[in-house]
């Protein structure tokens, strides 16, 4: 049985199924991007630190990376692992992985439910 078919089968019938490592790595990387700092030290003419200011280049890089994860990689992973099923549950499976990061879980829930409505449509249960 090919890996993708096995993952589909396991996720559907095994209540102890854990998400593929590739998916876990993606979620952790996405979380890191969300929290990446865009501030740099601001120094006076003597080299003393006087504060911090946002760096426009670092901010732009962060936003581009988040956009790529959100628009491209999430869709690609959905096609590979979650074509006919939901992504891992936000609270039961993802929250422990990302150490209950409320900000990230809020964003992930948005992705999770968008995926469910777009891909699963009529197959969604009341519980979901």
C-alpha atoms as a PDB file:
ATOM      1  CA  UNK A   1       0.000   0.000   0.000  1.00  0.00           C
ATOM      2  CA  UNK A   2       1.558   3.371  -0.988  1.00  0.00           C
ATOM      3  CA  UNK A   3       2.352   5.834   1.825  1.00  0.00           C
ATOM      4  CA  UNK A   4      -0.445   8.267   0.935  1.00  0.00           C
ATOM      5  CA  UNK A   5      -3.059   5.516   0.869  1.00  0.00           C
ATOM      6  CA  UNK A   6      -1.758   4.144   4.166  1.00  0.00           C
ATOM      7  CA  UNK A   7      -1.974   7.589   5.803  1.00  0.00           C
ATOM      8  CA  UNK A   8      -5.549   8.015   4.540  1.00  0.00           C
ATOM      9  CA  UNK A   9      -6.505   4.595   5.873  1.00  0.00           C
ATOM     10  CA  UNK A  10      -4.699   5.013   9.209  1.00  0.00           C
ATOM     11  CA  UNK A  11      -6.136   8.447   9.928  1.00  0.00           C
ATOM     12  CA  UNK A  12      -9.641   7.279   9.175  1.00  0.00           C
ATOM     13  CA  UNK A  13      -9.615   3.993  11.137  1.00  0.00           C
ATOM     14  CA  UNK A  14      -6.952   4.269  13.835  1.00  0.00           C
ATOM     15  CA  UNK A  15      -7.895   6.579  16.758  1.00  0.00           C
ATOM     16  CA  UNK A  16      -4.236   6.690  17.846  1.00  0.00           C
ATOM     17  CA  UNK A  17      -2.964   7.776  14.437  1.00  0.00           C
ATOM     18  CA  UNK A  18      -0.277  10.403  14.710  1.00  0.00           C
ATOM     19  CA  UNK A  19       0.251  12.940  12.000  1.00  0.00           C
ATOM     20  CA  UNK A  20       3.080  12.383   9.533  1.00  0.00           C
ATOM     21  CA  UNK A  21       6.397  13.875  10.653  1.00  0.00           C
ATOM     22  CA  UNK A  22       6.416  16.058   7.548  1.00  0.00           C
ATOM     23  CA  UNK A  23       3.141  17.678   8.661  1.00  0.00           C
ATOM     24  CA  UNK A  24       4.368  18.147  12.247  1.00  0.00           C
ATOM     25  CA  UNK A  25       7.556  19.795  10.946  1.00  0.00           C
ATOM     26  CA  UNK A  26       5.509  22.095   8.702  1.00  0.00           C
ATOM     27  CA  UNK A  27       3.278  23.168  11.601  1.00  0.00           C
ATOM     28  CA  UNK A  28       6.266  23.914  13.856  1.00  0.00           C
ATOM     29  CA  UNK A  29       7.962  25.882  11.076  1.00  0.00           C
ATOM     30  CA  UNK A  30       4.757  27.828  10.428  1.00  0.00           C
ATOM     31  CA  UNK A  31       4.488  28.594  14.147  1.00  0.00           C
ATOM     32  CA  UNK A  32       8.087  29.844  14.201  1.00  0.00           C
ATOM     33  CA  UNK A  33       7.364  32.134  11.262  1.00  0.00           C
ATOM     34  CA  UNK A  34       4.332  33.618  12.995  1.00  0.00           C
ATOM     35  CA  UNK A  35       6.434  34.545  16.020  1.00  0.00           C
ATOM     36  CA  UNK A  36       9.614  35.580  14.197  1.00  0.00           C
ATOM     37  CA  UNK A  37      10.867  38.925  15.463  1.00  0.00           C
ATOM     38  CA  UNK A  38      11.162  41.775  12.947  1.00  0.00           C
ATOM     39  CA  UNK A  39      12.803  44.301  15.280  1.00  0.00           C
ATOM     40  CA  UNK A  40      16.460  45.316  15.217  1.00  0.00           C
ATOM     41  CA  UNK A  41      18.499  47.287  17.700  1.00  0.00           C
ATOM     42  CA  UNK A  42      18.653  51.034  17.241  1.00  0.00           C
ATOM     43  CA  UNK A  43      21.919  52.636  18.392  1.00  0.00           C
ATOM     44  CA  UNK A  44      22.967  56.204  18.972  1.00  0.00           C
ATOM     45  CA  UNK A  45      26.104  57.818  17.535  1.00  0.00           C
ATOM     46  CA  UNK A  46      28.165  56.299  20.391  1.00  0.00           C
ATOM     47  CA  UNK A  47      27.031  52.757  19.688  1.00  0.00           C
ATOM     48  CA  UNK A  48      24.741  52.616  22.712  1.00  0.00           C
ATOM     49  CA  UNK A  49      21.473  50.777  22.295  1.00  0.00           C
ATOM     50  CA  UNK A  50      18.619  53.249  22.560  1.00  0.00           C
ATOM     51  CA  UNK A  51      15.753  51.016  21.502  1.00  0.00           C
ATOM     52  CA  UNK A  52      14.390  48.758  18.843  1.00  0.00           C
ATOM     53  CA  UNK A  53      12.717  49.463  15.537  1.00  0.00           C
ATOM     54  CA  UNK A  54      11.054  47.257  12.935  1.00  0.00           C
ATOM     55  CA  UNK A  55      13.274  46.338  10.005  1.00  0.00           C
ATOM     56  CA  UNK A  56      11.224  46.676   6.783  1.00  0.00           C
ATOM     57  CA  UNK A  57      13.278  44.037   4.937  1.00  0.00           C
ATOM     58  CA  UNK A  58      12.968  41.458   7.744  1.00  0.00           C
ATOM     59  CA  UNK A  59       9.246  42.236   8.017  1.00  0.00           C
ATOM     60  CA  UNK A  60       8.755  41.754   4.264  1.00  0.00           C
ATOM     61  CA  UNK A  61      10.666  38.449   4.348  1.00  0.00           C
ATOM     62  CA  UNK A  62       8.536  37.256   7.261  1.00  0.00           C
ATOM     63  CA  UNK A  63       5.292  38.172   5.507  1.00  0.00           C
ATOM     64  CA  UNK A  64       6.397  36.470   2.277  1.00  0.00           C
ATOM     65  CA  UNK A  65       7.304  33.297   4.178  1.00  0.00           C
ATOM     66  CA  UNK A  66       3.956  33.286   6.013  1.00  0.00           C
ATOM     67  CA  UNK A  67       2.125  33.857   2.736  1.00  0.00           C
ATOM     68  CA  UNK A  68       3.967  30.952   1.110  1.00  0.00           C
ATOM     69  CA  UNK A  69       3.100  28.630   4.018  1.00  0.00           C
ATOM     70  CA  UNK A  70      -0.521  29.760   4.037  1.00  0.00           C
ATOM     71  CA  UNK A  71      -1.209  29.805   0.305  1.00  0.00           C
ATOM     72  CA  UNK A  72       1.202  27.297  -1.230  1.00  0.00           C
ATOM     73  CA  UNK A  73       2.575  24.768   1.225  1.00  0.00           C
ATOM     74  CA  UNK A  74      -0.673  24.198   3.150  1.00  0.00           C
ATOM     75  CA  UNK A  75      -2.456  23.445  -0.127  1.00  0.00           C
ATOM     76  CA  UNK A  76       0.335  21.158  -1.304  1.00  0.00           C
ATOM     77  CA  UNK A  77       0.324  19.207   1.962  1.00  0.00           C
ATOM     78  CA  UNK A  78      -3.466  19.028   1.825  1.00  0.00           C
ATOM     79  CA  UNK A  79      -3.244  17.445  -1.625  1.00  0.00           C
ATOM     80  CA  UNK A  80      -0.695  14.920  -0.428  1.00  0.00           C
ATOM     81  CA  UNK A  81      -2.019  13.899   2.989  1.00  0.00           C
ATOM     82  CA  UNK A  82      -5.535  15.279   3.493  1.00  0.00           C
ATOM     83  CA  UNK A  83      -7.340  15.093   0.170  1.00  0.00           C
ATOM     84  CA  UNK A  84     -10.451  13.384   1.543  1.00  0.00           C
ATOM     85  CA  UNK A  85     -10.122  13.994   5.289  1.00  0.00           C
ATOM     86  CA  UNK A  86      -9.610  16.853   7.741  1.00  0.00           C
ATOM     87  CA  UNK A  87      -6.239  18.030   8.921  1.00  0.00           C
ATOM     88  CA  UNK A  88      -5.224  17.024  12.479  1.00  0.00           C
ATOM     89  CA  UNK A  89      -7.639  18.319  15.096  1.00  0.00           C
ATOM     90  CA  UNK A  90      -6.589  21.777  16.398  1.00  0.00           C
ATOM     91  CA  UNK A  91      -7.051  21.034  20.099  1.00  0.00           C
ATOM     92  CA  UNK A  92      -6.472  17.308  20.399  1.00  0.00           C
ATOM     93  CA  UNK A  93      -3.486  16.943  18.078  1.00  0.00           C
ATOM     94  CA  UNK A  94      -1.991  20.311  17.138  1.00  0.00           C
ATOM     95  CA  UNK A  95      -2.176  22.250  20.433  1.00  0.00           C
ATOM     96  CA  UNK A  96       0.154  19.824  22.268  1.00  0.00           C
ATOM     97  CA  UNK A  97       2.554  19.914  19.314  1.00  0.00           C
ATOM     98  CA  UNK A  98       2.819  23.726  19.429  1.00  0.00           C
ATOM     99  CA  UNK A  99       2.747  23.929  23.231  1.00  0.00           C
ATOM    100  CA  UNK A 100      -0.787  25.403  23.362  1.00  0.00           C
ATOM    101  CA  UNK A 101       0.219  28.551  21.482  1.00  0.00           C
ATOM    102  CA  UNK A 102      -3.137  30.397  21.388  1.00  0.00           C
ATOM    103  CA  UNK A 103      -2.149  32.744  18.557  1.00  0.00           C
ATOM    104  CA  UNK A 104      -0.991  29.926  16.319  1.00  0.00           C
ATOM    105  CA  UNK A 105      -3.980  27.724  17.196  1.00  0.00           C
ATOM    106  CA  UNK A 106      -6.320  30.560  16.199  1.00  0.00           C
ATOM    107  CA  UNK A 107      -4.647  30.804  12.767  1.00  0.00           C
ATOM    108  CA  UNK A 108      -4.534  27.019  12.410  1.00  0.00           C
ATOM    109  CA  UNK A 109      -8.267  26.742  13.166  1.00  0.00           C
ATOM    110  CA  UNK A 110      -8.929  29.134  10.296  1.00  0.00           C
ATOM    111  CA  UNK A 111      -6.934  26.895   7.950  1.00  0.00           C
ATOM    112  CA  UNK A 112      -8.471  23.740   9.395  1.00  0.00           C
ATOM    113  CA  UNK A 113     -12.075  24.873   8.859  1.00  0.00           C
ATOM    114  CA  UNK A 114     -11.401  26.416   5.447  1.00  0.00           C
ATOM    115  CA  UNK A 115      -9.950  23.083   4.368  1.00  0.00           C
ATOM    116  CA  UNK A 116     -12.939  21.184   5.740  1.00  0.00           C
ATOM    117  CA  UNK A 117     -15.505  23.361   3.968  1.00  0.00           C
ATOM    118  CA  UNK A 118     -13.558  23.521   0.700  1.00  0.00           C
ATOM    119  CA  UNK A 119     -12.509  19.881   0.448  1.00  0.00           C
ATOM    120  CA  UNK A 120     -15.027  17.901   2.440  1.00  0.00           C
ATOM    121  CA  UNK A 121     -18.147  19.983   1.858  1.00  0.00           C
ATOM    122  CA  UNK A 122     -21.198  17.767   2.256  1.00  0.00           C
ATOM    123  CA  UNK A 123     -19.243  15.083   4.114  1.00  0.00           C
ATOM    124  CA  UNK A 124     -18.839  17.286   7.204  1.00  0.00           C
ATOM    125  CA  UNK A 125     -20.620  15.952  10.268  1.00  0.00           C
ATOM    126  CA  UNK A 126     -22.449  18.002  12.901  1.00  0.00           C
ATOM    127  CA  UNK A 127     -19.679  17.172  15.416  1.00  0.00           C
ATOM    128  CA  UNK A 128     -17.015  18.531  13.090  1.00  0.00           C
END
